[in-house]
Amino acid sequence: MVEHGGKKKDMKKIKLTEKDLMRIVKKTISEDRETRNYMFFSNLKQMRRQIDIMLNDFNPQWIDDMLCGGHDWADDKISESKSNIDSVFDFFMNKKEE
């Protein structure tokens, strides 16, 4: 039940076929495609969201304890990711300066 204007109202149930759902998904995805390489930008935005959560919402001591408690693979993954980001960033910076 959804409350609307102080009154409770039953939500209407609708049935969608797989074809209907795919049409909605494709339309939504196409609306997000501002560039030909929209996935590049989408991936950057997703990484930023996840990094912001790890930096702002996770307790650093908890992360440190996790890394010291046998999950040091996560540190390796972050180091590898940073190296990859550095390469892409340097590429674009060098192209920008040309």
C-alpha atoms as a PDB file:
ATOM      1  CA  MET A   1       0.000   0.000   0.000  1.00  0.00           C
ATOM      2  CA  VAL A   2       1.170   3.498  -0.837  1.00  0.00           C
ATOM      3  CA  GLU A   3       0.145   6.567   1.075  1.00  0.00           C
ATOM      4  CA  HIS A   4      -0.910   9.398  -1.217  1.00  0.00           C
ATOM      5  CA  GLY A   5      -2.212  12.663   0.193  1.00  0.00           C
ATOM      6  CA  GLY A   6      -2.921  11.086   3.568  1.00  0.00           C
ATOM      7  CA  LYS A   7      -4.941   8.265   1.990  1.00  0.00           C
ATOM      8  CA  LYS A   8      -3.707   4.727   1.632  1.00  0.00           C
ATOM      9  CA  LYS A   9      -3.977   3.391  -1.847  1.00  0.00           C
ATOM     10  CA  ASP A  10      -3.302  -0.100  -3.188  1.00  0.00           C
ATOM     11  CA  MET A  11      -0.580  -0.223  -5.798  1.00  0.00           C
ATOM     12  CA  LYS A  12      -1.814  -1.434  -9.131  1.00  0.00           C
ATOM     13  CA  LYS A  13      -0.189  -4.638 -10.352  1.00  0.00           C
ATOM     14  CA  ILE A  14       0.680  -4.828 -14.008  1.00  0.00           C
ATOM     15  CA  LYS A  15       2.101  -7.663 -16.041  1.00  0.00           C
ATOM     16  CA  LEU A  16       4.922  -7.034 -18.459  1.00  0.00           C
ATOM     17  CA  THR A  17       6.056  -9.421 -21.088  1.00  0.00           C
ATOM     18  CA  GLU A  18       9.758  -9.991 -21.611  1.00  0.00           C
ATOM     19  CA  LYS A  19       9.424  -8.018 -24.858  1.00  0.00           C
ATOM     20  CA  ASP A  20       7.868  -5.059 -22.994  1.00  0.00           C
ATOM     21  CA  LEU A  21      10.608  -5.129 -20.393  1.00  0.00           C
ATOM     22  CA  MET A  22      13.368  -5.275 -23.026  1.00  0.00           C
ATOM     23  CA  ARG A  23      11.802  -2.310 -24.857  1.00  0.00           C
ATOM     24  CA  ILE A  24      11.788  -0.263 -21.630  1.00  0.00           C
ATOM     25  CA  VAL A  25      15.384  -1.229 -20.816  1.00  0.00           C
ATOM     26  CA  LYS A  26      16.602  -0.403 -24.343  1.00  0.00           C
ATOM     27  CA  LYS A  27      14.836   2.958 -24.239  1.00  0.00           C
ATOM     28  CA  THR A  28      16.375   3.765 -20.850  1.00  0.00           C
ATOM     29  CA  ILE A  29      19.841   2.761 -22.007  1.00  0.00           C
ATOM     30  CA  SER A  30      19.560   4.736 -25.234  1.00  0.00           C
ATOM     31  CA  GLU A  31      18.556   7.845 -23.286  1.00  0.00           C
ATOM     32  CA  ASP A  32      21.783   7.561 -21.276  1.00  0.00           C
ATOM     33  CA  ARG A  33      23.918   7.337 -24.402  1.00  0.00           C
ATOM     34  CA  GLU A  34      25.180  10.882 -24.708  1.00  0.00           C
ATOM     35  CA  THR A  35      28.360   9.784 -26.489  1.00  0.00           C
ATOM     36  CA  ARG A  36      29.470   6.889 -28.661  1.00  0.00           C
ATOM     37  CA  ASN A  37      31.639   5.685 -25.773  1.00  0.00           C
ATOM     38  CA  TYR A  38      28.982   6.006 -23.116  1.00  0.00           C
ATOM     39  CA  MET A  39      30.240   2.877 -21.330  1.00  0.00           C
ATOM     40  CA  PHE A  40      33.629   4.509 -20.754  1.00  0.00           C
ATOM     41  CA  PHE A  41      31.937   7.393 -18.956  1.00  0.00           C
ATOM     42  CA  SER A  42      29.475   5.117 -17.204  1.00  0.00           C
ATOM     43  CA  ASN A  43      32.354   3.024 -15.856  1.00  0.00           C
ATOM     44  CA  LEU A  44      34.167   6.139 -14.625  1.00  0.00           C
ATOM     45  CA  LYS A  45      31.031   7.337 -12.837  1.00  0.00           C
ATOM     46  CA  GLN A  46      30.489   3.915 -11.248  1.00  0.00           C
ATOM     47  CA  MET A  47      34.097   3.815 -10.033  1.00  0.00           C
ATOM     48  CA  ARG A  48      33.743   7.300  -8.565  1.00  0.00           C
ATOM     49  CA  ARG A  49      30.530   6.314  -6.740  1.00  0.00           C
ATOM     50  CA  GLN A  50      32.148   3.204  -5.297  1.00  0.00           C
ATOM     51  CA  ILE A  51      35.330   5.023  -4.283  1.00  0.00           C
ATOM     52  CA  ASP A  52      33.295   7.780  -2.618  1.00  0.00           C
ATOM     53  CA  ILE A  53      31.409   5.171  -0.590  1.00  0.00           C
ATOM     54  CA  MET A  54      34.629   3.446   0.475  1.00  0.00           C
ATOM     55  CA  LEU A  55      36.237   6.765   1.469  1.00  0.00           C
ATOM     56  CA  ASN A  56      33.226   8.437   3.072  1.00  0.00           C
ATOM     57  CA  ASP A  57      31.052   5.644   4.461  1.00  0.00           C
ATOM     58  CA  PHE A  58      33.460   2.879   5.451  1.00  0.00           C
ATOM     59  CA  ASN A  59      35.413   3.093   8.687  1.00  0.00           C
ATOM     60  CA  PRO A  60      39.138   3.215   7.781  1.00  0.00           C
ATOM     61  CA  GLN A  61      40.002   1.079  10.826  1.00  0.00           C
ATOM     62  CA  TRP A  62      37.539  -1.580   9.694  1.00  0.00           C
ATOM     63  CA  ILE A  63      39.104  -1.613   6.214  1.00  0.00           C
ATOM     64  CA  ASP A  64      42.590  -1.805   7.721  1.00  0.00           C
ATOM     65  CA  ASP A  65      41.517  -4.717   9.931  1.00  0.00           C
ATOM     66  CA  MET A  66      40.028  -6.502   6.901  1.00  0.00           C
ATOM     67  CA  LEU A  67      43.215  -6.031   4.881  1.00  0.00           C
ATOM     68  CA  CYS A  68      45.353  -7.323   7.773  1.00  0.00           C
ATOM     69  CA  GLY A  69      42.943 -10.190   8.394  1.00  0.00           C
ATOM     70  CA  GLY A  70      43.657 -12.101   5.217  1.00  0.00           C
ATOM     71  CA  HIS A  71      42.031  -9.895   2.627  1.00  0.00           C
ATOM     72  CA  ASP A  72      45.193  -8.207   1.390  1.00  0.00           C
ATOM     73  CA  TRP A  73      44.153  -9.177  -2.148  1.00  0.00           C
ATOM     74  CA  ALA A  74      41.922  -6.075  -2.036  1.00  0.00           C
ATOM     75  CA  ASP A  75      45.013  -3.870  -1.629  1.00  0.00           C
ATOM     76  CA  ASP A  76      46.563  -5.550  -4.677  1.00  0.00           C
ATOM     77  CA  LYS A  77      43.408  -4.926  -6.730  1.00  0.00           C
ATOM     78  CA  ILE A  78      43.349  -1.236  -5.778  1.00  0.00           C
ATOM     79  CA  SER A  79      47.048  -0.889  -6.664  1.00  0.00           C
ATOM     80  CA  GLU A  80      46.460  -2.562 -10.018  1.00  0.00           C
ATOM     81  CA  SER A  81      43.439  -0.339 -10.691  1.00  0.00           C
ATOM     82  CA  LYS A  82      45.402   2.793  -9.799  1.00  0.00           C
ATOM     83  CA  SER A  83      48.137   1.788 -12.224  1.00  0.00           C
ATOM     84  CA  ASN A  84      45.557   1.310 -14.987  1.00  0.00           C
ATOM     85  CA  ILE A  85      43.871   4.638 -14.219  1.00  0.00           C
ATOM     86  CA  ASP A  86      47.286   6.354 -14.205  1.00  0.00           C
ATOM     87  CA  SER A  87      47.989   4.991 -17.703  1.00  0.00           C
ATOM     88  CA  VAL A  88      44.675   6.177 -19.125  1.00  0.00           C
ATOM     89  CA  PHE A  89      44.983   9.559 -17.400  1.00  0.00           C
ATOM     90  CA  ASP A  90      48.541  10.063 -18.680  1.00  0.00           C
ATOM     91  CA  PHE A  91      47.445   9.132 -22.200  1.00  0.00           C
ATOM     92  CA  PHE A  92      44.673  11.748 -22.199  1.00  0.00           C
ATOM     93  CA  MET A  93      46.868  14.390 -20.571  1.00  0.00           C
ATOM     94  CA  ASN A  94      49.573  13.878 -23.212  1.00  0.00           C
ATOM     95  CA  LYS A  95      46.982  14.077 -26.021  1.00  0.00           C
ATOM     96  CA  LYS A  96      45.509  17.215 -24.475  1.00  0.00           C
ATOM     97  CA  GLU A  97      48.916  18.919 -24.405  1.00  0.00           C
ATOM     98  CA  GLU A  98      49.640  18.102 -28.088  1.00  0.00           C
END
